[in-house]
Amino acid sequence: MTNDMIWEGNRYPVAAPEEVGIHSRSFLEFFDRIREERIELHSFHLIRRKKMALACVAKPFTENSPHRIYSAAKGIQCLAALFLVQEGKLSLNDRVVDVFKDYLPDKMDPKMGEMTIYHLLTMTNGHPRTGFYEMRKSDNWIKSFLSQPLLRQPGTEFEYNNGPPHLACCLPRVLTGQNMIEYLTPRFFEPLGMVDLCETCLDPANPTDLEPTTQCLSPLDFVKFALFFLQGGSWNGKQLLRSDLCNLVGKRHFPTKHASPDVLSTQYGFGLFCYGNSFGGYRFHGGYGQMAIVIPELDIACAYMANITEEDNSKILDIFDSTIVRGCFENPVAQCEEDYRKLKELVSNYSLSPYGEPKSERQGEWNGKTVVFDPNPQGIDSVSFNFEGGIKLDIIRNGRKIEALCGQNGDWIPNADYPLMDAASSESKVIKGYVPAKILGYEPGQPWLLSAAWPADNILQINARRMDLMCTVSQTFTFSAETASVRIHYHFLPGNSPVNPDVVLVGRYVK
């Protein structure tokens, strides 16, 4: 009898949280804290005891929406190396200069000869943190990596560097002729029913190599990835990767406190392309809040996706620890029907729409009003408001009329145009590829999805999203007796940015 959680395609066994020893109240507290901190959480999945205890995806995303995972993808590159080890094509003790012997530069630091594949996977290669940026400036990234001087002996000290994962990504091609995705597809992706979307890289010398930071998984595939490690490399009763290799990943191979003294969440040691957790286990840690968490001692696999600052990265891990991890019981617990009902309602209604009410008691004061703006760089001439039966805006921008229909109660309505600024001003290259139709399967000219709410009686916020972008673009109207102002936020991350500041315009009503 297998100890694995059994999947049938993307269908999985589920359980009420209490059945696996977690109170529904713990999850409610988690989401309450997330909302209090204004954290833009896109999805949250938690598996315990071979059951999905919570599966929550924020509208308009779905469980199958591609989402960039940033540095959490390093775990996939590590898997490629470990499968090569399992097949006898590689050893963790192999020297980097031997594996990449066809890329040796004319001059090398003598210490380079001591660097092994293990040193790459533990980021103890000895390069400065800036080494990857030097690689990107060159016409041959691998040769650039090998030609850079080392600050220290390989294997002596951890220092975060994106050069090693790029070389790890190249290992399958160098040793088998297949790129990383091609190599892992029959060994990992197909058995798990996963799809990994990744762009070719920018290395002029090796254009078929993949750029590892561009990898995208769906929320559901992301938690499968965490579960694979929790199950020690086994899936649906079949051992895909030897358990000894799989279990090697999460060991704390090198300390990290010296490397990140100001970031508490990364001070608990480094495994093979993963960080140790303060609360036990380890995680594949991606920028802007992409986390695949494995806690063997609690039999938990968890994955969440987000769009948050580095400060909020630490906050969400602390919230997860204090509400869910510390609330785990060994055995099932009694269920509070009211809490369980509230949790199911939360999951059903969870959305990236604005916080607030679908209607305002005062919206009639501005229904039918038109606000005109002085000439501005954004070309916004006027906005007319119609609140009868929904929320509709008629916008004149650069002399062209744009109709904006907004969803309410957490729902989203597709629109052909972004309401207040050109789409190019709002794009962040965040969900790969940069050509959505090519990489993600989306049609060209993705619609803008609009959702609106009233945070206060005189404030209307409209959030705009595209499925090939990770960021929410917001426009907030504040109405007063004589004027109406709008604040447009289109920076990649939450909060105003000095590099890309919010746009604020004040207009006046006309009859």
Protein backbone atom coordinates (compact mmCIF):
# COMPACT_ATOMS: atom_id res chain seq x y z
CA MET A 1 0.00 0.00 0.00
CA THR A 2 1.40 3.35 -1.00
CA ASN A 3 1.99 6.16 1.44
CA ASP A 4 1.44 8.73 -1.30
CA MET A 5 -1.47 11.08 -1.77
CA ILE A 6 -3.28 9.65 -4.81
CA TRP A 7 -4.09 12.02 -7.67
CA GLU A 8 -6.32 11.36 -10.67
CA GLY A 9 -5.16 14.02 -13.07
CA ASN A 10 -5.79 17.26 -11.20
CA ARG A 11 -8.38 15.71 -8.91
CA TYR A 12 -7.25 15.12 -5.37
CA PRO A 13 -8.60 13.80 -2.04
CA VAL A 14 -9.85 16.52 0.28
CA ALA A 15 -10.49 16.79 3.99
CA ALA A 16 -11.92 19.34 6.35
CA PRO A 17 -9.02 20.98 8.21
CA GLU A 18 -10.13 19.42 11.49
CA GLU A 19 -9.77 15.92 10.00
CA VAL A 20 -6.03 16.52 9.64
CA GLY A 21 -5.57 18.24 12.99
CA ILE A 22 -5.96 21.92 12.10
CA HIS A 23 -8.87 24.07 13.25
CA SER A 24 -10.71 26.00 10.56
CA ARG A 25 -10.26 28.96 12.89
CA SER A 26 -6.48 28.78 12.25
CA PHE A 27 -7.03 29.34 8.53
CA LEU A 28 -9.54 32.11 9.21
CA GLU A 29 -7.00 33.85 11.43
CA PHE A 30 -4.37 33.45 8.72
CA PHE A 31 -6.55 35.18 6.13
CA ASP A 32 -7.66 37.84 8.63
CA ARG A 33 -4.02 38.75 9.22
CA ILE A 34 -3.29 38.70 5.49
CA ARG A 35 -6.11 41.16 4.95
CA GLU A 36 -5.04 43.38 7.86
CA GLU A 37 -1.54 43.61 6.38
CA ARG A 38 -2.95 44.32 2.89
CA ILE A 39 -0.92 41.44 1.47
CA GLU A 40 -1.77 40.57 -2.14
CA LEU A 41 -2.04 36.80 -1.79
CA HIS A 42 -2.90 35.07 -5.07
CA SER A 43 -3.29 31.46 -3.93
CA PHE A 44 -2.86 29.18 -0.93
CA HIS A 45 -2.85 25.37 -0.89
CA LEU A 46 -2.11 23.14 2.10
CA ILE A 47 -1.85 19.35 2.12
CA ARG A 48 -1.60 17.30 5.29
CA ARG A 49 -1.88 13.57 5.86
CA LYS A 50 -2.42 12.92 2.12
CA LYS A 51 -5.45 15.23 1.95
CA MET A 52 -5.96 18.74 0.60
CA ALA A 53 -7.04 20.64 3.70
CA LEU A 54 -7.33 24.00 1.96
CA ALA A 55 -7.32 25.07 -1.69
CA CYS A 56 -7.86 28.78 -2.19
CA VAL A 57 -7.19 30.79 -5.36
CA ALA A 58 -7.98 34.49 -5.67
CA LYS A 59 -10.24 35.47 -8.56
CA PRO A 60 -9.60 36.07 -11.41
CA PHE A 61 -6.81 33.45 -11.13
CA THR A 62 -7.76 29.78 -11.16
CA GLU A 63 -5.97 26.65 -9.99
CA ASN A 64 -4.64 26.22 -13.53
CA SER A 65 -3.54 29.82 -14.26
CA PRO A 66 0.19 30.09 -15.12
CA HIS A 67 2.05 32.15 -12.53
CA ARG A 68 5.72 33.06 -12.39
CA ILE A 69 7.51 31.47 -9.44
CA TYR A 70 10.83 33.37 -9.64
CA SER A 71 13.60 31.77 -7.55
CA ALA A 72 11.38 28.97 -6.28
CA ALA A 73 12.14 27.50 -9.71
CA LYS A 74 15.66 26.78 -8.48
CA GLY A 75 14.17 23.67 -6.92
CA ILE A 76 13.24 22.44 -10.39
CA GLN A 77 16.77 23.05 -11.63
CA CYS A 78 18.02 21.11 -8.62
CA LEU A 79 15.71 18.24 -9.57
CA ALA A 80 17.23 18.13 -13.04
CA ALA A 81 20.69 17.73 -11.49
CA LEU A 82 19.48 15.00 -9.13
CA PHE A 83 17.83 13.00 -11.91
CA LEU A 84 21.14 13.21 -13.79
CA VAL A 85 22.87 11.85 -10.68
CA GLN A 86 20.31 9.03 -10.41
CA GLU A 87 20.98 8.04 -14.01
CA GLY A 88 24.74 8.00 -13.54
CA LYS A 89 25.37 10.94 -15.85
CA LEU A 90 26.55 13.25 -13.06
CA SER A 91 27.95 13.24 -9.55
CA LEU A 92 27.57 16.02 -7.01
CA ASN A 93 31.34 15.76 -6.58
CA ASP A 94 32.04 16.31 -10.28
CA ARG A 95 34.14 19.40 -10.94
CA VAL A 96 32.35 22.21 -12.76
CA VAL A 97 35.32 22.68 -15.10
CA ASP A 98 35.05 19.03 -16.15
CA VAL A 99 31.30 19.13 -16.80
CA PHE A 100 31.60 22.39 -18.76
CA LYS A 101 34.97 21.59 -20.34
CA ASP A 102 33.85 22.93 -23.73
CA TYR A 103 33.38 26.42 -22.25
CA LEU A 104 36.68 26.97 -20.47
CA PRO A 105 38.08 30.49 -20.88
CA ASP A 106 41.71 31.22 -21.60
CA LYS A 107 42.25 32.47 -18.04
CA MET A 108 40.61 31.13 -14.89
CA ASP A 109 40.95 31.72 -11.19
CA PRO A 110 42.97 28.73 -9.86
CA LYS A 111 40.24 28.16 -7.26
CA MET A 112 37.75 27.44 -10.05
CA GLY A 113 39.21 23.96 -10.40
CA GLU A 114 37.96 23.11 -6.90
CA MET A 115 34.31 24.00 -7.58
CA THR A 116 31.92 21.05 -7.75
CA ILE A 117 28.27 20.59 -8.70
CA TYR A 118 27.53 20.42 -4.96
CA HIS A 119 28.99 23.89 -4.57
CA LEU A 120 26.68 25.17 -7.31
CA LEU A 121 23.58 23.68 -5.69
CA THR A 122 24.49 25.10 -2.27
CA MET A 123 25.56 28.50 -3.67
CA THR A 124 28.97 28.13 -2.08
CA ASN A 125 30.70 28.60 -5.43
CA GLY A 126 32.77 31.56 -4.17
CA HIS A 127 31.60 34.20 -6.66
CA PRO A 128 30.44 37.62 -5.55
CA ARG A 129 26.67 38.17 -5.56
CA THR A 130 27.04 40.40 -8.61
CA GLY A 131 28.49 37.59 -10.71
CA PHE A 132 25.23 36.83 -12.48
CA TYR A 133 24.88 40.41 -13.68
CA GLU A 134 28.36 40.19 -15.19
CA MET A 135 27.29 37.03 -16.97
CA ARG A 136 24.27 38.77 -18.49
CA LYS A 137 26.50 41.47 -19.98
CA SER A 138 28.62 38.92 -21.82
CA ASP A 139 28.16 37.12 -25.14
CA ASN A 140 28.67 33.70 -23.48
CA TRP A 141 27.15 33.31 -20.03
CA ILE A 142 28.74 29.99 -19.12
CA LYS A 143 32.23 31.12 -20.14
CA SER A 144 31.69 34.37 -18.22
CA PHE A 145 30.82 32.40 -15.07
CA LEU A 146 34.00 30.35 -15.41
CA SER A 147 36.21 33.35 -16.11
CA GLN A 148 35.21 35.48 -13.12
CA PRO A 149 37.57 35.73 -10.13
CA LEU A 150 36.40 34.05 -6.94
CA LEU A 151 36.25 35.83 -3.59
CA ARG A 152 36.77 32.67 -1.57
CA GLN A 153 37.46 28.96 -1.79
CA PRO A 154 34.44 27.04 -3.13
CA GLY A 155 32.57 25.20 -0.41
CA THR A 156 33.46 27.56 2.43
CA GLU A 157 30.62 30.07 2.63
CA PHE A 158 27.10 30.59 1.26
CA GLU A 159 26.40 33.71 -0.80
CA TYR A 160 23.22 34.11 -2.83
CA ASN A 161 24.00 34.21 -6.54
CA ASN A 162 21.87 33.53 -9.63
CA GLY A 163 24.85 32.24 -11.62
CA PRO A 164 24.76 28.68 -10.20
CA PRO A 165 21.09 28.02 -11.05
CA HIS A 166 21.76 29.12 -14.61
CA LEU A 167 24.56 26.56 -14.89
CA ALA A 168 22.35 23.95 -13.23
CA CYS A 169 19.70 24.72 -15.83
CA CYS A 170 22.28 24.02 -18.55
CA LEU A 171 23.36 20.64 -17.14
CA PRO A 172 20.78 18.51 -19.02
CA ARG A 173 21.69 20.07 -22.37
CA VAL A 174 25.43 19.64 -21.80
CA LEU A 175 25.08 16.03 -20.64
CA THR A 176 22.11 14.75 -22.68
CA GLY A 177 21.46 17.23 -25.50
CA GLN A 178 18.01 18.08 -24.09
CA ASN A 179 17.16 21.35 -22.40
CA MET A 180 15.91 21.25 -18.81
CA ILE A 181 12.18 21.14 -19.64
CA GLU A 182 12.66 18.45 -22.30
CA TYR A 183 14.75 16.37 -19.93
CA LEU A 184 12.36 16.64 -16.97
CA THR A 185 9.15 16.14 -18.92
CA PRO A 186 9.07 12.30 -18.95
CA ARG A 187 10.85 11.99 -15.61
CA PHE A 188 8.89 14.54 -13.55
CA PHE A 189 6.36 16.79 -15.28
CA GLU A 190 4.35 14.11 -17.09
CA PRO A 191 4.07 11.72 -14.11
CA LEU A 192 2.83 14.60 -11.94
CA GLY A 193 0.59 16.04 -14.65
CA MET A 194 2.48 19.34 -14.46
CA VAL A 195 3.18 22.03 -17.05
CA ASP A 196 6.29 24.22 -16.65
CA LEU A 197 6.40 27.25 -18.93
CA CYS A 198 9.85 28.73 -19.40
CA GLU A 199 11.49 31.06 -21.90
CA THR A 200 14.63 30.49 -23.85
CA CYS A 201 17.44 32.49 -22.34
CA LEU A 202 19.28 35.56 -23.47
CA ASP A 203 22.71 33.95 -23.78
CA PRO A 204 23.85 34.73 -27.34
CA ALA A 205 26.19 31.75 -27.38
CA ASN A 206 23.57 29.21 -26.27
CA PRO A 207 20.15 30.42 -27.46
CA THR A 208 18.42 27.09 -26.79
CA ASP A 209 19.23 27.23 -23.07
CA LEU A 210 16.42 28.26 -20.76
CA GLU A 211 16.33 31.33 -18.55
CA PRO A 212 15.48 29.67 -15.22
CA THR A 213 13.98 32.72 -13.51
CA THR A 214 11.15 32.84 -16.05
CA GLN A 215 9.56 29.54 -15.02
CA CYS A 216 5.79 29.48 -14.48
CA LEU A 217 3.62 26.90 -12.72
CA SER A 218 -0.06 26.92 -11.93
CA PRO A 219 -1.03 27.20 -8.24
CA LEU A 220 -2.05 23.54 -8.23
CA ASP A 221 1.19 22.39 -9.85
CA PHE A 222 3.14 24.45 -7.32
CA VAL A 223 1.73 22.49 -4.38
CA LYS A 224 2.34 19.22 -6.30
CA PHE A 225 5.98 20.28 -6.46
CA ALA A 226 6.10 20.68 -2.66
CA LEU A 227 4.27 17.38 -2.14
CA PHE A 228 6.75 15.51 -4.33
CA PHE A 229 9.51 16.40 -1.85
CA LEU A 230 7.33 15.62 1.17
CA GLN A 231 6.76 12.15 -0.31
CA GLY A 232 10.50 11.63 -0.76
CA GLY A 233 10.47 11.60 -4.56
CA SER A 234 7.48 9.27 -4.92
CA TRP A 235 4.24 9.97 -6.81
CA ASN A 236 1.08 7.87 -6.90
CA GLY A 237 3.02 4.93 -5.52
CA LYS A 238 5.92 5.11 -7.99
CA GLN A 239 9.40 6.14 -6.88
CA LEU A 240 10.49 8.68 -9.50
CA LEU A 241 13.57 10.03 -7.71
CA ARG A 242 15.53 8.03 -5.14
CA SER A 243 14.47 9.03 -1.65
CA ASP A 244 18.08 9.52 -0.50
CA LEU A 245 18.62 12.10 -3.26
CA CYS A 246 15.28 13.78 -2.63
CA ASN A 247 15.85 13.98 1.12
CA LEU A 248 19.29 15.49 0.56
CA VAL A 249 17.65 18.67 -0.76
CA GLY A 250 16.15 19.98 2.49
CA LYS A 251 19.14 19.41 4.76
CA ARG A 252 20.73 22.60 6.06
CA HIS A 253 24.03 22.28 4.27
CA PHE A 254 25.38 25.75 5.05
CA PRO A 255 24.49 28.53 7.51
CA THR A 256 23.09 31.76 6.08
CA LYS A 257 22.81 34.19 8.99
CA HIS A 258 25.95 36.05 7.99
CA ALA A 259 24.62 36.54 4.45
CA SER A 260 21.24 38.05 5.36
CA PRO A 261 21.46 39.62 8.82
CA ASP A 262 18.52 41.94 8.12
CA VAL A 263 16.15 39.34 6.64
CA LEU A 264 15.02 36.97 9.36
CA SER A 265 13.22 34.60 7.00
CA THR A 266 16.47 33.58 5.24
CA GLN A 267 18.65 33.09 8.34
CA TYR A 268 17.94 29.41 8.93
CA GLY A 269 20.38 27.71 6.62
CA PHE A 270 20.55 26.73 2.97
CA GLY A 271 19.96 23.29 1.45
CA LEU A 272 20.16 22.47 -2.24
CA PHE A 273 18.65 25.63 -3.73
CA CYS A 274 16.25 25.98 -0.76
CA TYR A 275 16.10 27.74 2.62
CA GLY A 276 15.45 26.27 6.05
CA ASN A 277 12.37 27.49 7.91
CA SER A 278 12.39 28.88 11.43
CA PHE A 279 9.38 26.61 12.15
CA GLY A 280 10.96 23.45 10.70
CA GLY A 281 11.33 21.93 7.29
CA TYR A 282 12.40 23.95 4.27
CA ARG A 283 11.04 25.99 1.40
CA PHE A 284 11.72 26.92 -2.20
CA HIS A 285 11.70 30.69 -1.87
CA GLY A 286 10.67 32.80 -4.84
CA GLY A 287 10.71 36.57 -5.12
CA TYR A 288 7.56 38.58 -4.50
CA GLY A 289 6.06 35.85 -2.33
CA GLN A 290 6.18 32.54 -4.24
CA MET A 291 6.73 29.78 -1.65
CA ALA A 292 6.65 25.99 -1.81
CA ILE A 293 6.98 24.78 1.78
CA VAL A 294 7.82 21.28 2.99
CA ILE A 295 7.51 20.43 6.70
CA PRO A 296 8.20 16.68 7.08
CA GLU A 297 7.80 16.67 10.87
CA LEU A 298 4.22 17.94 10.49
CA ASP A 299 3.49 16.04 7.25
CA ILE A 300 2.68 19.33 5.52
CA ALA A 301 3.17 20.43 1.94
CA CYS A 302 2.06 23.99 1.33
CA ALA A 303 2.39 26.44 -1.55
CA TYR A 304 1.28 30.00 -1.96
CA MET A 305 1.69 32.65 -4.64
CA ALA A 306 1.57 36.40 -4.16
CA ASN A 307 2.75 39.80 -5.33
CA ILE A 308 4.39 41.36 -2.29
CA THR A 309 7.43 43.26 -1.11
CA GLU A 310 10.41 41.59 0.56
CA GLU A 311 9.20 42.98 3.89
CA ASP A 312 5.84 41.27 3.38
CA ASN A 313 7.67 38.06 2.45
CA SER A 314 8.80 37.78 6.06
CA LYS A 315 5.39 38.84 7.37
CA ILE A 316 3.50 36.14 5.53
CA LEU A 317 5.88 33.44 6.77
CA ASP A 318 5.43 34.72 10.32
CA ILE A 319 1.65 34.74 9.90
CA PHE A 320 1.73 31.20 8.51
CA ASP A 321 3.84 30.08 11.46
CA SER A 322 1.79 31.76 14.19
CA THR A 323 -1.66 30.81 12.89
CA ILE A 324 -1.31 27.44 11.14
CA VAL A 325 2.00 25.76 12.02
CA ARG A 326 1.70 26.41 15.76
CA GLY A 327 -1.95 25.41 15.63
CA CYS A 328 -1.32 21.87 14.35
CA PHE A 329 -2.47 18.86 16.36
CA GLU A 330 -1.23 15.32 15.96
CA ASN A 331 -4.77 13.90 15.80
CA PRO A 332 -8.10 15.09 14.38
CA VAL A 333 -9.85 17.81 16.33
CA ALA A 334 -13.50 18.66 16.91
CA GLN A 335 -15.04 20.78 14.19
CA CYS A 336 -16.75 24.10 14.81
CA GLU A 337 -19.47 24.13 12.16
CA GLU A 338 -19.66 27.94 12.14
CA ASP A 339 -15.92 28.34 11.56
CA TYR A 340 -15.95 25.68 8.84
CA ARG A 341 -18.88 27.42 7.12
CA LYS A 342 -17.05 30.77 7.25
CA LEU A 343 -13.90 29.19 5.81
CA LYS A 344 -15.78 27.62 2.90
CA GLU A 345 -17.45 30.97 2.23
CA LEU A 346 -14.08 32.75 2.31
CA VAL A 347 -12.54 30.30 -0.15
CA SER A 348 -15.54 30.56 -2.47
CA ASN A 349 -15.46 34.38 -2.51
CA TYR A 350 -11.71 35.05 -2.31
CA SER A 351 -10.75 37.68 -4.87
CA LEU A 352 -8.15 40.31 -5.72
CA SER A 353 -10.96 42.83 -6.09
CA PRO A 354 -10.82 45.97 -3.92
CA TYR A 355 -11.87 45.83 -0.29
CA GLY A 356 -15.20 47.57 0.25
CA GLU A 357 -18.92 47.48 -0.41
CA PRO A 358 -20.51 46.84 -3.83
CA LYS A 359 -22.64 49.96 -3.43
CA SER A 360 -22.38 53.30 -1.64
CA GLU A 361 -25.31 55.02 0.09
CA ARG A 362 -24.13 58.22 -1.58
CA GLN A 363 -23.42 56.92 -5.07
CA GLY A 364 -26.57 58.62 -6.36
CA GLU A 365 -24.88 62.00 -5.76
CA TRP A 366 -22.36 61.21 -8.50
CA ASN A 367 -24.47 59.06 -10.79
CA GLY A 368 -24.55 60.70 -14.22
CA LYS A 369 -21.82 63.18 -13.32
CA THR A 370 -18.92 63.93 -15.65
CA VAL A 371 -15.50 64.99 -14.35
CA VAL A 372 -13.14 66.86 -16.67
CA PHE A 373 -9.41 67.13 -16.12
CA ASP A 374 -6.86 69.71 -17.17
CA PRO A 375 -4.45 68.53 -19.90
CA ASN A 376 -2.20 65.83 -18.45
CA PRO A 377 0.54 63.47 -19.73
CA GLN A 378 -1.83 60.51 -19.42
CA GLY A 379 -4.26 62.09 -21.91
CA ILE A 380 -7.27 61.63 -19.62
CA ASP A 381 -9.84 64.20 -20.73
CA SER A 382 -12.97 63.22 -18.80
CA VAL A 383 -14.74 60.44 -16.90
CA SER A 384 -18.53 59.98 -16.70
CA PHE A 385 -20.07 57.76 -14.01
CA ASN A 386 -23.12 55.53 -14.28
CA PHE A 387 -24.11 53.55 -11.18
CA GLU A 388 -27.52 52.29 -12.32
CA GLY A 389 -27.55 48.51 -12.18
CA GLY A 390 -23.77 48.25 -11.82
CA ILE A 391 -20.64 50.36 -12.21
CA LYS A 392 -19.88 51.78 -15.63
CA LEU A 393 -17.44 54.52 -16.64
CA ASP A 394 -17.35 56.36 -19.95
CA ILE A 395 -13.84 57.72 -20.41
CA ILE A 396 -12.46 60.12 -22.99
CA ARG A 397 -8.71 59.47 -23.28
CA ASN A 398 -6.63 61.09 -25.99
CA GLY A 399 -9.87 61.99 -27.72
CA ARG A 400 -11.07 58.36 -27.84
CA LYS A 401 -14.08 57.05 -25.96
CA ILE A 402 -13.48 54.03 -23.69
CA GLU A 403 -16.26 52.16 -21.91
CA ALA A 404 -15.29 50.46 -18.65
CA LEU A 405 -17.63 47.88 -17.10
CA CYS A 406 -16.69 46.77 -13.58
CA GLY A 407 -17.53 43.59 -11.73
CA GLN A 408 -18.85 43.81 -8.17
CA ASN A 409 -18.90 41.51 -5.14
CA GLY A 410 -15.46 40.15 -6.07
CA ASP A 411 -16.35 39.38 -9.67
CA TRP A 412 -14.41 40.57 -12.71
CA ILE A 413 -15.66 41.78 -16.10
CA PRO A 414 -13.40 41.63 -19.20
CA ASN A 415 -12.79 44.90 -21.05
CA ALA A 416 -10.91 45.61 -24.26
CA ASP A 417 -9.01 48.59 -22.84
CA TYR A 418 -7.36 49.63 -19.62
CA PRO A 419 -9.49 52.52 -18.35
CA LEU A 420 -7.23 55.47 -17.57
CA MET A 421 -3.79 54.92 -19.09
CA ASP A 422 -2.27 53.15 -22.05
CA ALA A 423 -1.72 49.47 -21.36
CA ALA A 424 2.00 49.83 -22.10
CA SER A 425 2.31 52.11 -19.08
CA SER A 426 0.88 49.42 -16.85
CA GLU A 427 2.67 46.32 -18.05
CA SER A 428 5.11 44.54 -15.78
CA LYS A 429 7.01 41.65 -17.33
CA VAL A 430 6.05 39.27 -14.59
CA ILE A 431 4.23 36.21 -15.90
CA LYS A 432 6.26 34.63 -18.66
CA GLY A 433 6.65 34.85 -21.40
CA TYR A 434 6.94 38.36 -22.56
CA VAL A 435 4.98 37.20 -25.62
CA PRO A 436 1.88 35.76 -23.93
CA ALA A 437 0.47 33.92 -26.95
CA LYS A 438 3.78 32.12 -27.47
CA ILE A 439 4.53 31.04 -23.92
CA LEU A 440 1.28 31.00 -22.00
CA GLY A 441 -1.23 30.07 -24.65
CA TYR A 442 -3.18 33.27 -24.16
CA GLU A 443 -4.55 35.07 -27.18
CA PRO A 444 -2.82 38.31 -28.21
CA GLY A 445 -4.45 41.47 -26.87
CA GLN A 446 -5.41 40.08 -23.48
CA PRO A 447 -8.55 41.72 -22.03
CA TRP A 448 -8.35 43.88 -18.95
CA LEU A 449 -10.47 42.46 -16.13
CA LEU A 450 -12.11 45.11 -13.96
CA SER A 451 -13.56 44.81 -10.45
CA ALA A 452 -14.80 47.66 -8.25
CA ALA A 453 -15.83 48.38 -4.66
CA TRP A 454 -16.52 51.34 -2.36
CA PRO A 455 -13.98 51.43 0.53
CA ALA A 456 -15.89 54.49 1.84
CA ASP A 457 -19.11 56.25 0.88
CA ASN A 458 -17.21 58.79 -1.26
CA ILE A 459 -14.36 56.56 -2.52
CA LEU A 460 -14.62 54.22 -5.49
CA GLN A 461 -11.71 51.89 -6.22
CA ILE A 462 -11.39 49.99 -9.47
CA ASN A 463 -8.80 47.24 -9.83
CA ALA A 464 -7.61 46.20 -13.27
CA ARG A 465 -5.77 42.98 -14.06
CA ARG A 466 -4.59 40.99 -17.05
CA MET A 467 -4.05 37.26 -16.82
CA ASP A 468 -0.52 37.59 -18.21
CA LEU A 469 0.48 40.11 -15.53
CA MET A 470 1.05 39.54 -11.84
CA CYS A 471 0.28 43.04 -10.59
CA THR A 472 -3.00 44.72 -9.82
CA VAL A 473 -3.34 48.16 -11.40
CA SER A 474 -5.69 50.35 -9.39
CA GLN A 475 -7.47 53.66 -9.87
CA THR A 476 -9.15 55.23 -6.86
CA PHE A 477 -11.70 58.03 -7.23
CA THR A 478 -12.42 60.32 -4.30
CA PHE A 479 -15.58 62.41 -4.64
CA SER A 480 -16.28 65.73 -2.90
CA ALA A 481 -18.88 68.43 -3.42
CA GLU A 482 -16.94 70.43 -6.03
CA THR A 483 -14.21 68.12 -7.33
CA ALA A 484 -13.28 64.50 -7.89
CA SER A 485 -9.72 63.22 -7.76
CA VAL A 486 -8.23 59.98 -9.01
CA ARG A 487 -5.07 58.21 -7.90
CA ILE A 488 -3.70 55.72 -10.43
CA HIS A 489 -1.30 53.09 -9.15
CA TYR A 490 0.43 51.05 -11.86
CA HIS A 491 3.71 50.05 -10.25
CA PHE A 492 4.58 46.33 -10.20
CA LEU A 493 4.37 46.09 -6.40
CA PRO A 494 1.91 47.48 -3.84
CA GLY A 495 2.67 50.97 -2.51
CA ASN A 496 3.84 54.15 -4.17
CA SER A 497 7.25 53.98 -5.85
CA PRO A 498 9.68 56.88 -6.24
CA VAL A 499 10.79 55.36 -9.53
CA ASN A 500 7.25 54.92 -10.82
CA PRO A 501 5.10 57.20 -8.63
CA ASP A 502 1.34 57.11 -8.48
CA VAL A 503 -0.45 59.53 -10.77
CA VAL A 504 -2.88 61.90 -9.02
CA LEU A 505 -5.30 64.07 -11.01
CA VAL A 506 -8.00 66.45 -9.74
CA GLY A 507 -10.96 67.29 -11.94
CA ARG A 508 -14.15 69.33 -11.75
CA TYR A 509 -17.72 68.40 -12.47
CA VAL A 510 -19.55 69.58 -15.55
CA LYS A 511 -23.27 69.32 -16.22
